[in-house]
Every structure is written in structure tokens, then in C-alpha cells.
């Protein structure tokens, strides 16, 4: 009986050690990303981005919303990795402006639909539907959500108030 118990203990110990080795190997492979890709997002990062490409704002230039009042596609030759996402820019000057002050050009609410945030939900937005209000950039899923957010000033305060709770619901 003692020999059988000792054998079972040895088998269990071997299985546990094997599992630990597999987990260690998997963790080292997961952290070794191919060159040129951004690091995997960490806890607390909430910027909406494409899960396959890592592009923030679907590749649109965040600085152009302010300088051109338009959704301008960025170029692969003007990329910058910031907060776990790849940001593209239409020019080196826009890239440099973002590098100097990302908090100025980063959209509010992680790039999620501002009206949805006001309603307590994180809804993917379309970067071609935007509004610059004061010095802040907001995105929306639909023209209706944009109109609603612009027409109802109280929604801005409500979205700001609800953002901390909504950001905790975003799958990372």
C-alpha cells in the first residue's frame, strides 16, 4: 500500500513539474513577439485598437483631426508605438507633435463611442465620425450618436463621470 501511495505521489509531482515547464515555455513564447509589432497591452490600457494589426484609430492620424478637421489616413512610414498601440500619421511633423504631447491628441474615452460611454457602455467607434470639442477629440459609432452628444451638453459630463466604471468593463 505504501509503495502504491509513494508511486502516486511521484506521478503527481511529475505531472505538476511538467505543467510548470509547459507554462514557462508558453509564457516565454508569448512574450517574444515578432519585430515591429507593439508589445501586448498591459492592464489598464484601454485604447480602442484593431486586434490583428495593433493599429489605433484604424490607422487614422490623430493630429489631423485638430489640424485639418478631417479623418486623414496615416501612412506606414510615419508610425509610432505608444501605450501598446501603433499610431499612424500623415506626416513626420504630425508624428513628432503626437510624440511630444500624446495626451493632447489622444481621443477621450479610449476612442470608444462617447455617447455609449455616457450610457454606461463601451461601444466601438468609427474614427470617421468624430468631433473636436474645445481641445478634446471624441469618436462616435453613428451620426445619430454624434448629433446627440453635440446637442446634449449634459452628456459630456455624464460620459466623464461614467468613464472610470466603463473602462473597467473593457476586455483587455
C-alpha atoms as a PDB file:
ATOM      1  CA  UNK A   1       0.000   0.000   0.000  1.00  0.00           C
ATOM      2  CA  UNK A   2       2.813   2.402   0.919  1.00  0.00           C
ATOM      3  CA  UNK A   3       4.566   1.724  -2.384  1.00  0.00           C
ATOM      4  CA  UNK A   4       1.387   2.497  -4.355  1.00  0.00           C
ATOM      5  CA  UNK A   5       0.870   5.768  -2.465  1.00  0.00           C
ATOM      6  CA  UNK A   6       4.528   6.701  -2.991  1.00  0.00           C
ATOM      7  CA  UNK A   7       4.200   5.914  -6.715  1.00  0.00           C
ATOM      8  CA  UNK A   8       1.022   8.037  -6.989  1.00  0.00           C
ATOM      9  CA  UNK A   9       2.798  10.903  -5.231  1.00  0.00           C
ATOM     10  CA  UNK A  10       5.738  10.619  -7.634  1.00  0.00           C
ATOM     11  CA  UNK A  11       3.389  10.622 -10.646  1.00  0.00           C
ATOM     12  CA  UNK A  12       1.503  13.690  -9.375  1.00  0.00           C
ATOM     13  CA  UNK A  13       4.773  15.513  -8.675  1.00  0.00           C
ATOM     14  CA  UNK A  14       5.973  14.665 -12.188  1.00  0.00           C
ATOM     15  CA  UNK A  15       2.744  15.924 -13.735  1.00  0.00           C
ATOM     16  CA  UNK A  16       2.933  19.177 -11.759  1.00  0.00           C
ATOM     17  CA  UNK A  17       6.553  19.740 -12.802  1.00  0.00           C
ATOM     18  CA  UNK A  18       5.650  19.030 -16.436  1.00  0.00           C
ATOM     19  CA  UNK A  19       2.785  21.531 -16.285  1.00  0.00           C
ATOM     20  CA  UNK A  20       5.072  24.153 -14.771  1.00  0.00           C
ATOM     21  CA  UNK A  21       7.611  23.633 -17.578  1.00  0.00           C
ATOM     22  CA  UNK A  22       4.893  23.893 -20.238  1.00  0.00           C
ATOM     23  CA  UNK A  23       3.536  27.110 -18.714  1.00  0.00           C
ATOM     24  CA  UNK A  24       7.034  28.596 -18.514  1.00  0.00           C
ATOM     25  CA  UNK A  25       7.735  27.707 -22.153  1.00  0.00           C
ATOM     26  CA  UNK A  26       4.385  29.123 -23.279  1.00  0.00           C
ATOM     27  CA  UNK A  27       4.976  32.342 -21.360  1.00  0.00           C
ATOM     28  CA  UNK A  28       8.403  32.838 -22.932  1.00  0.00           C
ATOM     29  CA  UNK A  29       6.974  32.240 -26.436  1.00  0.00           C
ATOM     30  CA  UNK A  30       4.088  34.666 -25.792  1.00  0.00           C
ATOM     31  CA  UNK A  31       6.421  37.482 -24.780  1.00  0.00           C
ATOM     32  CA  UNK A  32       8.662  37.027 -27.831  1.00  0.00           C
ATOM     33  CA  UNK A  33       6.693  38.996 -30.422  1.00  0.00           C
ATOM     34  CA  UNK A  34       7.960  39.391 -33.984  1.00  0.00           C
ATOM     35  CA  UNK A  35       9.972  42.520 -34.634  1.00  0.00           C
ATOM     36  CA  UNK A  36       7.915  45.604 -35.484  1.00  0.00           C
ATOM     37  CA  UNK A  37       4.783  44.656 -33.541  1.00  0.00           C
ATOM     38  CA  UNK A  38       3.797  46.572 -30.415  1.00  0.00           C
ATOM     39  CA  UNK A  39       4.064  44.878 -27.060  1.00  0.00           C
ATOM     40  CA  UNK A  40       0.893  43.233 -25.816  1.00  0.00           C
ATOM     41  CA  UNK A  41      -1.334  45.613 -23.890  1.00  0.00           C
ATOM     42  CA  UNK A  42      -0.937  45.694 -20.152  1.00  0.00           C
ATOM     43  CA  UNK A  43      -3.573  46.003 -17.509  1.00  0.00           C
ATOM     44  CA  UNK A  44      -5.082  49.453 -17.510  1.00  0.00           C
ATOM     45  CA  UNK A  45      -4.604  50.096 -21.236  1.00  0.00           C
ATOM     46  CA  UNK A  46      -7.953  50.818 -22.805  1.00  0.00           C
ATOM     47  CA  UNK A  47      -7.332  52.471 -26.177  1.00  0.00           C
ATOM     48  CA  UNK A  48      -9.568  51.001 -28.836  1.00  0.00           C
ATOM     49  CA  UNK A  49      -7.418  49.350 -31.478  1.00  0.00           C
ATOM     50  CA  UNK A  50      -7.566  46.682 -34.131  1.00  0.00           C
ATOM     51  CA  UNK A  51      -6.726  43.354 -32.501  1.00  0.00           C
ATOM     52  CA  UNK A  52      -5.000  41.954 -35.593  1.00  0.00           C
ATOM     53  CA  UNK A  53      -2.876  44.909 -36.680  1.00  0.00           C
ATOM     54  CA  UNK A  54      -2.492  46.753 -33.371  1.00  0.00           C
ATOM     55  CA  UNK A  55      -3.463  49.998 -35.121  1.00  0.00           C
ATOM     56  CA  UNK A  56      -5.070  52.702 -33.031  1.00  0.00           C
ATOM     57  CA  UNK A  57      -7.911  54.626 -34.706  1.00  0.00           C
ATOM     58  CA  UNK A  58      -7.907  52.178 -37.638  1.00  0.00           C
ATOM     59  CA  UNK A  59      -4.737  53.886 -38.853  1.00  0.00           C
ATOM     60  CA  UNK A  60      -6.132  57.447 -38.992  1.00  0.00           C
ATOM     61  CA  UNK A  61      -3.837  60.310 -37.967  1.00  0.00           C
ATOM     62  CA  UNK A  62      -4.908  61.663 -34.523  1.00  0.00           C
ATOM     63  CA  UNK A  63      -3.197  65.009 -35.098  1.00  0.00           C
ATOM     64  CA  UNK A  64      -5.037  65.642 -38.379  1.00  0.00           C
ATOM     65  CA  UNK A  65      -8.385  65.798 -36.565  1.00  0.00           C
ATOM     66  CA  UNK A  66      -7.114  69.013 -34.976  1.00  0.00           C
ATOM     67  CA  UNK A  67      -5.007  70.467 -37.800  1.00  0.00           C
ATOM     68  CA  UNK A  68      -7.204  69.534 -40.781  1.00  0.00           C
ATOM     69  CA  UNK A  69     -10.590  68.952 -39.099  1.00  0.00           C
ATOM     70  CA  UNK A  70     -10.729  65.711 -41.073  1.00  0.00           C
ATOM     71  CA  UNK A  71     -10.161  61.987 -40.697  1.00  0.00           C
ATOM     72  CA  UNK A  72      -6.885  61.607 -42.607  1.00  0.00           C
ATOM     73  CA  UNK A  73      -5.361  58.137 -43.068  1.00  0.00           C
ATOM     74  CA  UNK A  74      -1.883  57.770 -41.628  1.00  0.00           C
ATOM     75  CA  UNK A  75       0.987  56.206 -43.531  1.00  0.00           C
ATOM     76  CA  UNK A  76       3.047  53.154 -42.549  1.00  0.00           C
ATOM     77  CA  UNK A  77       6.208  55.208 -42.984  1.00  0.00           C
ATOM     78  CA  UNK A  78       5.123  57.519 -40.137  1.00  0.00           C
ATOM     79  CA  UNK A  79       4.333  55.118 -37.291  1.00  0.00           C
ATOM     80  CA  UNK A  80       4.848  55.379 -33.576  1.00  0.00           C
ATOM     81  CA  UNK A  81       4.166  52.814 -30.850  1.00  0.00           C
ATOM     82  CA  UNK A  82       2.516  54.443 -27.844  1.00  0.00           C
ATOM     83  CA  UNK A  83       0.734  52.748 -24.930  1.00  0.00           C
ATOM     84  CA  UNK A  84       0.688  49.353 -26.638  1.00  0.00           C
ATOM     85  CA  UNK A  85      -0.841  50.549 -29.914  1.00  0.00           C
ATOM     86  CA  UNK A  86       0.579  51.508 -33.301  1.00  0.00           C
ATOM     87  CA  UNK A  87      -0.359  55.059 -34.277  1.00  0.00           C
ATOM     88  CA  UNK A  88      -0.027  56.227 -37.876  1.00  0.00           C
ATOM     89  CA  UNK A  89       0.416  59.788 -39.091  1.00  0.00           C
ATOM     90  CA  UNK A  90       0.107  61.610 -42.397  1.00  0.00           C
ATOM     91  CA  UNK A  91       3.462  63.349 -41.921  1.00  0.00           C
ATOM     92  CA  UNK A  92       6.613  63.337 -39.826  1.00  0.00           C
ATOM     93  CA  UNK A  93       5.525  66.671 -38.324  1.00  0.00           C
ATOM     94  CA  UNK A  94       2.249  65.154 -37.081  1.00  0.00           C
ATOM     95  CA  UNK A  95       4.099  62.151 -35.673  1.00  0.00           C
ATOM     96  CA  UNK A  96       6.513  64.433 -33.842  1.00  0.00           C
ATOM     97  CA  UNK A  97       3.685  66.587 -32.483  1.00  0.00           C
ATOM     98  CA  UNK A  98       1.986  63.470 -31.083  1.00  0.00           C
ATOM     99  CA  UNK A  99       5.260  62.197 -29.624  1.00  0.00           C
ATOM    100  CA  UNK A 100       5.708  65.495 -27.781  1.00  0.00           C
ATOM    101  CA  UNK A 101       2.156  65.646 -26.350  1.00  0.00           C
ATOM    102  CA  UNK A 102       0.152  62.431 -26.792  1.00  0.00           C
ATOM    103  CA  UNK A 103      -2.341  63.483 -24.105  1.00  0.00           C
ATOM    104  CA  UNK A 104      -3.402  66.400 -26.323  1.00  0.00           C
ATOM    105  CA  UNK A 105      -4.156  64.264 -29.390  1.00  0.00           C
ATOM    106  CA  UNK A 106      -5.361  61.019 -27.834  1.00  0.00           C
ATOM    107  CA  UNK A 107      -9.145  60.717 -28.105  1.00  0.00           C
ATOM    108  CA  UNK A 108     -11.225  60.804 -24.968  1.00  0.00           C
ATOM    109  CA  UNK A 109     -12.692  57.619 -23.556  1.00  0.00           C
ATOM    110  CA  UNK A 110     -10.085  55.418 -25.234  1.00  0.00           C
ATOM    111  CA  UNK A 111     -11.552  56.140 -28.663  1.00  0.00           C
ATOM    112  CA  UNK A 112     -14.854  54.450 -27.784  1.00  0.00           C
ATOM    113  CA  UNK A 113     -18.209  55.997 -28.715  1.00  0.00           C
ATOM    114  CA  UNK A 114     -18.659  58.984 -26.373  1.00  0.00           C
ATOM    115  CA  UNK A 115     -22.463  58.656 -26.373  1.00  0.00           C
ATOM    116  CA  UNK A 116     -22.148  54.990 -25.470  1.00  0.00           C
ATOM    117  CA  UNK A 117     -19.864  55.884 -22.559  1.00  0.00           C
ATOM    118  CA  UNK A 118     -22.492  58.387 -21.371  1.00  0.00           C
ATOM    119  CA  UNK A 119     -24.983  55.491 -21.452  1.00  0.00           C
ATOM    120  CA  UNK A 120     -22.552  53.353 -19.428  1.00  0.00           C
ATOM    121  CA  UNK A 121     -21.292  51.147 -22.294  1.00  0.00           C
ATOM    122  CA  UNK A 122     -18.032  50.766 -24.209  1.00  0.00           C
ATOM    123  CA  UNK A 123     -19.078  50.735 -27.871  1.00  0.00           C
ATOM    124  CA  UNK A 124     -16.579  50.580 -30.735  1.00  0.00           C
ATOM    125  CA  UNK A 125     -16.495  53.832 -32.670  1.00  0.00           C
ATOM    126  CA  UNK A 126     -15.907  54.760 -36.295  1.00  0.00           C
ATOM    127  CA  UNK A 127     -12.893  57.123 -36.484  1.00  0.00           C
ATOM    128  CA  UNK A 128     -14.510  58.880 -39.451  1.00  0.00           C
ATOM    129  CA  UNK A 129     -17.314  60.049 -37.137  1.00  0.00           C
ATOM    130  CA  UNK A 130     -15.679  62.473 -34.774  1.00  0.00           C
ATOM    131  CA  UNK A 131     -15.977  65.837 -33.076  1.00  0.00           C
ATOM    132  CA  UNK A 132     -13.367  68.159 -31.638  1.00  0.00           C
ATOM    133  CA  UNK A 133     -14.999  69.999 -28.760  1.00  0.00           C
ATOM    134  CA  UNK A 134     -12.738  72.593 -27.221  1.00  0.00           C
ATOM    135  CA  UNK A 135      -9.388  70.830 -27.220  1.00  0.00           C
ATOM    136  CA  UNK A 136     -10.764  67.308 -26.888  1.00  0.00           C
ATOM    137  CA  UNK A 137     -11.319  64.659 -29.550  1.00  0.00           C
ATOM    138  CA  UNK A 138     -14.370  62.374 -29.381  1.00  0.00           C
ATOM    139  CA  UNK A 139     -15.439  59.462 -31.585  1.00  0.00           C
ATOM    140  CA  UNK A 140     -18.861  58.018 -32.322  1.00  0.00           C
ATOM    141  CA  UNK A 141     -20.349  54.868 -33.805  1.00  0.00           C
ATOM    142  CA  UNK A 142     -23.048  56.680 -35.786  1.00  0.00           C
ATOM    143  CA  UNK A 143     -24.031  60.143 -36.950  1.00  0.00           C
ATOM    144  CA  UNK A 144     -27.035  59.922 -34.621  1.00  0.00           C
ATOM    145  CA  UNK A 145     -24.783  59.360 -31.591  1.00  0.00           C
ATOM    146  CA  UNK A 146     -22.595  62.278 -32.683  1.00  0.00           C
ATOM    147  CA  UNK A 147     -25.600  64.609 -33.074  1.00  0.00           C
ATOM    148  CA  UNK A 148     -26.956  63.545 -29.711  1.00  0.00           C
ATOM    149  CA  UNK A 149     -23.617  64.173 -27.976  1.00  0.00           C
ATOM    150  CA  UNK A 150     -23.239  67.596 -29.601  1.00  0.00           C
ATOM    151  CA  UNK A 151     -26.838  68.643 -28.875  1.00  0.00           C
ATOM    152  CA  UNK A 152     -26.982  67.491 -25.256  1.00  0.00           C
ATOM    153  CA  UNK A 153     -24.158  69.170 -23.343  1.00  0.00           C
ATOM    154  CA  UNK A 154     -25.057  67.190 -20.197  1.00  0.00           C
ATOM    155  CA  UNK A 155     -23.907  64.008 -21.970  1.00  0.00           C
ATOM    156  CA  UNK A 156     -20.280  65.197 -21.828  1.00  0.00           C
ATOM    157  CA  UNK A 157     -20.407  65.437 -18.039  1.00  0.00           C
ATOM    158  CA  UNK A 158     -22.253  62.122 -17.781  1.00  0.00           C
ATOM    159  CA  UNK A 159     -19.672  60.394 -20.019  1.00  0.00           C
ATOM    160  CA  UNK A 160     -16.810  61.858 -17.990  1.00  0.00           C
ATOM    161  CA  UNK A 161     -18.447  60.653 -14.776  1.00  0.00           C
ATOM    162  CA  UNK A 162     -19.118  57.135 -16.101  1.00  0.00           C
ATOM    163  CA  UNK A 163     -15.809  56.573 -17.906  1.00  0.00           C
ATOM    164  CA  UNK A 164     -13.925  55.104 -14.900  1.00  0.00           C
ATOM    165  CA  UNK A 165     -16.591  52.413 -14.418  1.00  0.00           C
ATOM    166  CA  UNK A 166     -16.970  51.767 -18.171  1.00  0.00           C
ATOM    167  CA  UNK A 167     -13.203  51.454 -18.659  1.00  0.00           C
ATOM    168  CA  UNK A 168     -13.139  48.665 -16.070  1.00  0.00           C
ATOM    169  CA  UNK A 169     -15.583  46.631 -18.194  1.00  0.00           C
ATOM    170  CA  UNK A 170     -13.393  46.645 -21.307  1.00  0.00           C
ATOM    171  CA  UNK A 171     -11.852  43.259 -22.076  1.00  0.00           C
ATOM    172  CA  UNK A 172      -8.115  43.559 -22.134  1.00  0.00           C
END
